Amino acid sequence: MRLTIGRDQSAIEKIRDFLEWLLDIGEGKLGDLSDGETVINIPDDILINDPHDPIGSLIHFVYRSILEKRNNTNYFQERAILAPKNEVVQEINDSLLSKFLGDEVEYLSSE
């Protein structure tokens, strides 16, 4: 619901349609479920069509101005990339981190 704050009615309807589509996927309401696998049609406006660098294309789509807005916390609060496996998350994180200058620092914690 917070995605609709400050948006016009047309944008709100698009957001709600997208959210309903996501929920339908999660609840198994799309496609033919006869054998446990199904094909789901993904709308063209959210489909990544670059077979050579799909992760780079996804990052560019979601974080188009990442270097210019890296100090703006709202910019990051409004965006996220969800991934099905930890290996994909690691690949996305590595690709994002490579865009920033400077040394990488890893902070560890213990209980």
N, C-alpha and C. Protein backbone atom coordinates (compact mmCIF):
# COMPACT_ATOMS: atom_id res chain seq x y z
N MET A 1 0.81 -1.20 0.00
CA MET A 1 0.00 0.00 0.00
C MET A 1 0.86 1.26 0.00
N ARG A 2 2.06 1.22 0.60
CA ARG A 2 2.87 2.43 0.63
C ARG A 2 3.37 2.82 -0.76
N LEU A 3 3.32 1.89 -1.72
CA LEU A 3 3.71 2.22 -3.09
C LEU A 3 2.73 3.19 -3.73
N THR A 4 1.51 3.27 -3.20
CA THR A 4 0.49 4.13 -3.80
C THR A 4 0.49 5.55 -3.23
N ILE A 5 1.25 5.81 -2.19
CA ILE A 5 1.25 7.13 -1.56
C ILE A 5 1.81 8.16 -2.54
N GLY A 6 1.05 9.22 -2.76
CA GLY A 6 1.49 10.31 -3.62
C GLY A 6 1.38 10.00 -5.12
N ARG A 7 0.74 8.92 -5.50
CA ARG A 7 0.62 8.55 -6.92
C ARG A 7 -0.76 8.95 -7.44
N ASP A 8 -0.85 9.15 -8.75
CA ASP A 8 -2.16 9.44 -9.34
C ASP A 8 -2.94 8.14 -9.50
N GLN A 9 -4.22 8.26 -9.82
CA GLN A 9 -5.11 7.10 -9.86
C GLN A 9 -4.66 6.06 -10.88
N SER A 10 -4.16 6.50 -12.02
CA SER A 10 -3.70 5.57 -13.05
C SER A 10 -2.52 4.73 -12.55
N ALA A 11 -1.58 5.37 -11.88
CA ALA A 11 -0.43 4.65 -11.32
C ALA A 11 -0.86 3.69 -10.23
N ILE A 12 -1.80 4.10 -9.40
CA ILE A 12 -2.31 3.25 -8.33
C ILE A 12 -2.97 1.99 -8.91
N GLU A 13 -3.74 2.14 -9.98
CA GLU A 13 -4.38 0.99 -10.61
C GLU A 13 -3.34 0.03 -11.19
N LYS A 14 -2.28 0.56 -11.81
CA LYS A 14 -1.22 -0.29 -12.35
C LYS A 14 -0.52 -1.06 -11.24
N ILE A 15 -0.25 -0.38 -10.13
CA ILE A 15 0.41 -1.03 -8.99
C ILE A 15 -0.47 -2.13 -8.43
N ARG A 16 -1.75 -1.86 -8.28
CA ARG A 16 -2.68 -2.87 -7.75
C ARG A 16 -2.80 -4.07 -8.69
N ASP A 17 -2.85 -3.80 -10.00
CA ASP A 17 -2.91 -4.91 -10.97
C ASP A 17 -1.66 -5.78 -10.86
N PHE A 18 -0.49 -5.15 -10.73
CA PHE A 18 0.76 -5.89 -10.61
C PHE A 18 0.77 -6.71 -9.32
N LEU A 19 0.32 -6.11 -8.22
CA LEU A 19 0.29 -6.82 -6.95
C LEU A 19 -0.67 -8.01 -7.01
N GLU A 20 -1.81 -7.85 -7.65
CA GLU A 20 -2.74 -8.97 -7.80
C GLU A 20 -2.11 -10.08 -8.64
N TRP A 21 -1.40 -9.70 -9.70
CA TRP A 21 -0.72 -10.69 -10.54
C TRP A 21 0.31 -11.47 -9.73
N LEU A 22 1.10 -10.76 -8.91
CA LEU A 22 2.08 -11.44 -8.05
C LEU A 22 1.40 -12.39 -7.06
N LEU A 23 0.33 -11.93 -6.44
CA LEU A 23 -0.39 -12.79 -5.51
C LEU A 23 -0.96 -14.02 -6.21
N ASP A 24 -1.48 -13.84 -7.42
CA ASP A 24 -2.00 -14.98 -8.17
C ASP A 24 -0.90 -15.99 -8.47
N ILE A 25 0.29 -15.52 -8.78
CA ILE A 25 1.41 -16.43 -8.99
C ILE A 25 1.70 -17.20 -7.71
N GLY A 26 1.82 -16.48 -6.61
CA GLY A 26 2.13 -17.10 -5.33
C GLY A 26 1.10 -18.09 -4.87
N GLU A 27 -0.15 -17.84 -5.21
CA GLU A 27 -1.24 -18.73 -4.78
C GLU A 27 -1.53 -19.82 -5.81
N GLY A 28 -0.73 -19.88 -6.89
CA GLY A 28 -0.91 -20.93 -7.89
C GLY A 28 -2.15 -20.79 -8.74
N LYS A 29 -2.64 -19.57 -8.92
CA LYS A 29 -3.86 -19.35 -9.69
C LYS A 29 -3.61 -19.16 -11.19
N LEU A 30 -2.35 -19.05 -11.60
CA LEU A 30 -2.05 -18.83 -13.00
C LEU A 30 -1.51 -20.10 -13.64
N GLY A 31 -1.83 -20.30 -14.90
CA GLY A 31 -1.28 -21.43 -15.63
C GLY A 31 -2.04 -22.71 -15.38
N ASP A 32 -1.56 -23.78 -16.02
CA ASP A 32 -2.15 -25.12 -15.90
C ASP A 32 -1.39 -25.89 -14.83
N LEU A 33 -2.04 -26.29 -13.79
CA LEU A 33 -1.37 -26.93 -12.66
C LEU A 33 -1.49 -28.45 -12.68
N SER A 34 -1.71 -29.05 -13.84
CA SER A 34 -1.97 -30.48 -13.90
C SER A 34 -0.78 -31.34 -13.48
N ASP A 35 0.45 -30.90 -13.74
CA ASP A 35 1.61 -31.75 -13.43
C ASP A 35 2.59 -31.11 -12.44
N GLY A 36 2.19 -30.04 -11.79
CA GLY A 36 3.06 -29.39 -10.82
C GLY A 36 3.97 -28.33 -11.42
N GLU A 37 4.00 -28.24 -12.74
CA GLU A 37 4.78 -27.20 -13.43
C GLU A 37 3.84 -26.42 -14.31
N THR A 38 4.17 -25.16 -14.54
CA THR A 38 3.31 -24.34 -15.38
C THR A 38 4.13 -23.26 -16.07
N VAL A 39 3.59 -22.70 -17.10
CA VAL A 39 4.19 -21.57 -17.80
C VAL A 39 3.37 -20.34 -17.45
N ILE A 40 4.06 -19.30 -17.03
CA ILE A 40 3.40 -18.05 -16.68
C ILE A 40 3.88 -16.98 -17.64
N ASN A 41 2.95 -16.29 -18.26
CA ASN A 41 3.30 -15.20 -19.16
C ASN A 41 3.67 -13.96 -18.35
N ILE A 42 4.86 -13.44 -18.62
CA ILE A 42 5.36 -12.25 -17.92
C ILE A 42 5.13 -11.04 -18.82
N PRO A 43 4.55 -9.97 -18.29
CA PRO A 43 4.31 -8.77 -19.10
C PRO A 43 5.61 -8.23 -19.70
N ASP A 44 5.53 -7.77 -20.94
CA ASP A 44 6.71 -7.28 -21.65
C ASP A 44 7.42 -6.14 -20.93
N ASP A 45 6.67 -5.29 -20.21
CA ASP A 45 7.30 -4.14 -19.59
C ASP A 45 8.17 -4.50 -18.38
N ILE A 46 8.10 -5.74 -17.89
CA ILE A 46 8.98 -6.15 -16.79
C ILE A 46 9.90 -7.30 -17.19
N LEU A 47 9.89 -7.65 -18.45
CA LEU A 47 10.69 -8.76 -18.94
C LEU A 47 12.09 -8.28 -19.33
N ILE A 48 13.11 -8.97 -18.86
CA ILE A 48 14.49 -8.67 -19.21
C ILE A 48 14.84 -9.46 -20.47
N ASN A 49 15.19 -8.75 -21.54
CA ASN A 49 15.41 -9.39 -22.83
C ASN A 49 16.87 -9.50 -23.23
N ASP A 50 17.81 -9.20 -22.36
CA ASP A 50 19.22 -9.25 -22.71
C ASP A 50 19.81 -10.60 -22.31
N PRO A 51 20.03 -11.50 -23.28
CA PRO A 51 20.56 -12.82 -22.93
C PRO A 51 22.04 -12.80 -22.54
N HIS A 52 22.76 -11.73 -22.87
CA HIS A 52 24.19 -11.65 -22.60
C HIS A 52 24.50 -11.14 -21.19
N ASP A 53 23.65 -10.27 -20.66
CA ASP A 53 23.88 -9.71 -19.32
C ASP A 53 22.54 -9.46 -18.63
N PRO A 54 21.79 -10.52 -18.32
CA PRO A 54 20.47 -10.32 -17.73
C PRO A 54 20.53 -9.65 -16.35
N ILE A 55 21.54 -9.98 -15.56
CA ILE A 55 21.64 -9.37 -14.23
C ILE A 55 22.00 -7.90 -14.34
N GLY A 56 22.91 -7.57 -15.23
CA GLY A 56 23.25 -6.16 -15.46
C GLY A 56 22.05 -5.37 -15.94
N SER A 57 21.25 -5.96 -16.82
CA SER A 57 20.04 -5.29 -17.31
C SER A 57 19.03 -5.09 -16.19
N LEU A 58 18.90 -6.10 -15.33
CA LEU A 58 17.99 -6.00 -14.20
C LEU A 58 18.44 -4.90 -13.23
N ILE A 59 19.72 -4.87 -12.94
CA ILE A 59 20.26 -3.83 -12.05
C ILE A 59 20.04 -2.45 -12.65
N HIS A 60 20.29 -2.32 -13.95
CA HIS A 60 20.09 -1.02 -14.61
C HIS A 60 18.62 -0.61 -14.55
N PHE A 61 17.71 -1.57 -14.71
CA PHE A 61 16.28 -1.28 -14.66
C PHE A 61 15.85 -0.82 -13.27
N VAL A 62 16.30 -1.55 -12.25
CA VAL A 62 15.86 -1.25 -10.88
C VAL A 62 16.63 -0.08 -10.27
N TYR A 63 17.94 -0.03 -10.50
CA TYR A 63 18.80 0.99 -9.90
C TYR A 63 19.43 1.85 -10.98
N ARG A 64 18.59 2.45 -11.82
CA ARG A 64 19.05 3.21 -12.98
C ARG A 64 20.08 4.29 -12.63
N SER A 65 19.93 4.99 -11.55
CA SER A 65 20.82 6.10 -11.17
C SER A 65 21.57 5.80 -9.89
N ILE A 66 22.02 4.59 -9.71
CA ILE A 66 22.57 4.17 -8.42
C ILE A 66 23.79 4.99 -7.99
N LEU A 67 24.67 5.31 -8.90
CA LEU A 67 25.87 6.04 -8.49
C LEU A 67 25.56 7.48 -8.11
N GLU A 68 24.62 8.10 -8.80
CA GLU A 68 24.24 9.47 -8.47
C GLU A 68 23.43 9.54 -7.18
N LYS A 69 22.70 8.50 -6.87
CA LYS A 69 21.79 8.53 -5.72
C LYS A 69 22.26 7.65 -4.57
N ARG A 70 23.52 7.26 -4.57
CA ARG A 70 24.01 6.31 -3.56
C ARG A 70 23.91 6.83 -2.13
N ASN A 71 23.83 8.14 -1.93
CA ASN A 71 23.72 8.70 -0.58
C ASN A 71 22.28 9.00 -0.18
N ASN A 72 21.33 8.70 -1.05
CA ASN A 72 19.93 8.96 -0.80
C ASN A 72 19.26 7.68 -0.29
N THR A 73 18.99 7.61 1.00
CA THR A 73 18.41 6.39 1.58
C THR A 73 17.02 6.09 1.01
N ASN A 74 16.25 7.12 0.67
CA ASN A 74 14.92 6.89 0.10
C ASN A 74 15.01 6.15 -1.23
N TYR A 75 16.05 6.42 -1.99
CA TYR A 75 16.24 5.75 -3.28
C TYR A 75 16.30 4.23 -3.08
N PHE A 76 17.02 3.78 -2.08
CA PHE A 76 17.16 2.35 -1.83
C PHE A 76 15.93 1.76 -1.14
N GLN A 77 15.22 2.55 -0.35
CA GLN A 77 14.02 2.07 0.30
C GLN A 77 12.89 1.80 -0.69
N GLU A 78 12.95 2.46 -1.85
CA GLU A 78 11.90 2.33 -2.85
C GLU A 78 12.18 1.22 -3.86
N ARG A 79 13.31 0.51 -3.73
CA ARG A 79 13.71 -0.48 -4.72
C ARG A 79 14.17 -1.77 -4.06
N ALA A 80 13.95 -2.87 -4.77
CA ALA A 80 14.46 -4.16 -4.30
C ALA A 80 14.49 -5.13 -5.47
N ILE A 81 15.43 -6.05 -5.42
CA ILE A 81 15.47 -7.14 -6.37
C ILE A 81 15.30 -8.42 -5.56
N LEU A 82 14.30 -9.19 -5.90
CA LEU A 82 14.06 -10.47 -5.23
C LEU A 82 14.64 -11.57 -6.09
N ALA A 83 15.23 -12.55 -5.46
CA ALA A 83 15.85 -13.66 -6.19
C ALA A 83 15.45 -14.98 -5.55
N PRO A 84 15.34 -16.04 -6.35
CA PRO A 84 14.88 -17.31 -5.83
C PRO A 84 15.94 -18.11 -5.08
N LYS A 85 17.22 -17.85 -5.34
CA LYS A 85 18.28 -18.64 -4.72
C LYS A 85 19.39 -17.73 -4.19
N ASN A 86 20.06 -18.19 -3.14
CA ASN A 86 21.16 -17.42 -2.56
C ASN A 86 22.28 -17.19 -3.55
N GLU A 87 22.51 -18.13 -4.47
CA GLU A 87 23.57 -17.96 -5.46
C GLU A 87 23.27 -16.78 -6.37
N VAL A 88 22.00 -16.59 -6.72
CA VAL A 88 21.60 -15.46 -7.56
C VAL A 88 21.73 -14.16 -6.77
N VAL A 89 21.34 -14.19 -5.50
CA VAL A 89 21.50 -13.01 -4.65
C VAL A 89 22.97 -12.60 -4.59
N GLN A 90 23.86 -13.57 -4.42
CA GLN A 90 25.29 -13.28 -4.36
C GLN A 90 25.79 -12.68 -5.67
N GLU A 91 25.32 -13.20 -6.78
CA GLU A 91 25.73 -12.68 -8.09
C GLU A 91 25.25 -11.24 -8.28
N ILE A 92 24.02 -10.96 -7.87
CA ILE A 92 23.48 -9.60 -7.95
C ILE A 92 24.27 -8.67 -7.04
N ASN A 93 24.52 -9.09 -5.80
CA ASN A 93 25.29 -8.27 -4.86
C ASN A 93 26.69 -7.99 -5.39
N ASP A 94 27.36 -9.00 -5.93
CA ASP A 94 28.70 -8.81 -6.46
C ASP A 94 28.70 -7.82 -7.62
N SER A 95 27.71 -7.94 -8.49
CA SER A 95 27.61 -7.03 -9.62
C SER A 95 27.34 -5.60 -9.17
N LEU A 96 26.46 -5.44 -8.18
CA LEU A 96 26.18 -4.10 -7.65
C LEU A 96 27.41 -3.50 -6.98
N LEU A 97 28.09 -4.28 -6.15
CA LEU A 97 29.25 -3.78 -5.44
C LEU A 97 30.38 -3.38 -6.39
N SER A 98 30.48 -4.05 -7.52
CA SER A 98 31.55 -3.73 -8.48
C SER A 98 31.36 -2.35 -9.10
N LYS A 99 30.17 -1.78 -9.01
CA LYS A 99 29.91 -0.45 -9.57
C LYS A 99 30.45 0.68 -8.70
N PHE A 100 30.73 0.39 -7.44
CA PHE A 100 31.17 1.42 -6.52
C PHE A 100 32.70 1.45 -6.44
N LEU A 101 33.23 2.66 -6.34
CA LEU A 101 34.67 2.82 -6.18
C LEU A 101 35.06 2.57 -4.73
N GLY A 102 36.31 2.23 -4.51
CA GLY A 102 36.81 2.03 -3.16
C GLY A 102 36.89 0.57 -2.79
N ASP A 103 37.42 0.34 -1.62
CA ASP A 103 37.60 -1.02 -1.14
C ASP A 103 36.32 -1.53 -0.48
N GLU A 104 36.06 -2.79 -0.66
CA GLU A 104 34.93 -3.43 -0.02
C GLU A 104 35.29 -3.73 1.43
N VAL A 105 34.37 -3.46 2.34
CA VAL A 105 34.57 -3.72 3.75
C VAL A 105 33.48 -4.67 4.22
N GLU A 106 33.84 -5.71 4.92
CA GLU A 106 32.88 -6.67 5.43
C GLU A 106 32.83 -6.54 6.94
N TYR A 107 31.64 -6.32 7.50
CA TYR A 107 31.46 -6.22 8.93
C TYR A 107 30.84 -7.50 9.46
N LEU A 108 31.43 -8.06 10.46
CA LEU A 108 30.94 -9.30 11.05
C LEU A 108 30.36 -9.03 12.42
N SER A 109 29.44 -9.89 12.83
CA SER A 109 28.90 -9.76 14.18
C SER A 109 28.91 -11.13 14.84
N SER A 110 28.82 -11.13 16.13
CA SER A 110 28.75 -12.40 16.86
C SER A 110 27.76 -12.24 18.01
N GLU A 111 27.25 -13.35 18.43
CA GLU A 111 26.28 -13.32 19.53
C GLU A 111 26.90 -13.77 20.81
